[in-house]
């Protein structure tokens, strides 16, 4: 039986590179990445191998994208602007790198006869839901960030293409993802601040924000677990833990593990860390559990392990 070919957009990025590690065991892999936030060293172990190809290009380049799509069986669409706060000052980033990029991916798939797509969405599509834990069926969804609006728009586009052009999709709404190869998010933010500011750690908001955190290895495993088992035309899954953790507790864990001691925490105040921040977030992962998938690390354990892993990377 011939090997399957998988195209991973954003495959040199934080989550995408972990997915590539796993897909490389299953068949041929094409990584499509403009390296705006991804790093070539994240996929260094695969470069030069027979069944691996790296395409350095932007998803807005439709000609290159169309060429890369030939012979592909499944697209894992992980590429997007990774930093939610960019939308505060430049909403076009999420429009172009989210909505337009996804439209281009779908059109390239349609042109090449590729009919399977796995999409990285986000808990931000819900906005500030009145019900927590929040299930996939919750509505109405009212995003409060441009990033969240972009992800919800992409979900809508993918759903339409499934129903109109016979595609099949797996959509995953992520909790906050942390761990090895991290390039953004709370732990990276704290580490950068501690490297540049001596004596204190600035925490956005009042520290009372409470959210769910998932280790990146659990994310990659969860995506492939559901992709292999779910046969529906358009399937949505929450990927998160059963629990959450206070931002103040994350700050304390970080300082406990940081080599320099006697560092104080300074809160900027307010219920939100920034405009568009969702102060309380907890997804309901019941649907994934019914498939037979369970996370290995709860939120606190994920923060502990992710911080250890990031400090090892920093030392190396």
Foldseek 3Di string as FASTA:
>chain_A
DAAAEEEEECCQADLNLLLVVVVVVRGAYEYEYLPPQGDPVSNVVPPPDPRYHYHNDALLPLVVLLVVLARHAEYEYEWAPPDQCVQVPDLVRLCCRFVVSLVSNLVSCLVRVHAHYEYEAAPQQQDADPDPQAEPPDDDRDHQTSNSVSRVNSLVVNVVCCVPPVHAYEYEHEWAEFAPRDRDDDLVQQVVQPVPDPAETEDQADQAQKTWYAYSNLVSVLSVLCVVPDDDRYHYFYDTAQGIDTSNVLSVLLQVPDPDHNHYYDYPHDQARDRRGHRYHHHDRVVSVVSPRHGPDTRVRSSNNRSVRVVVVVVD
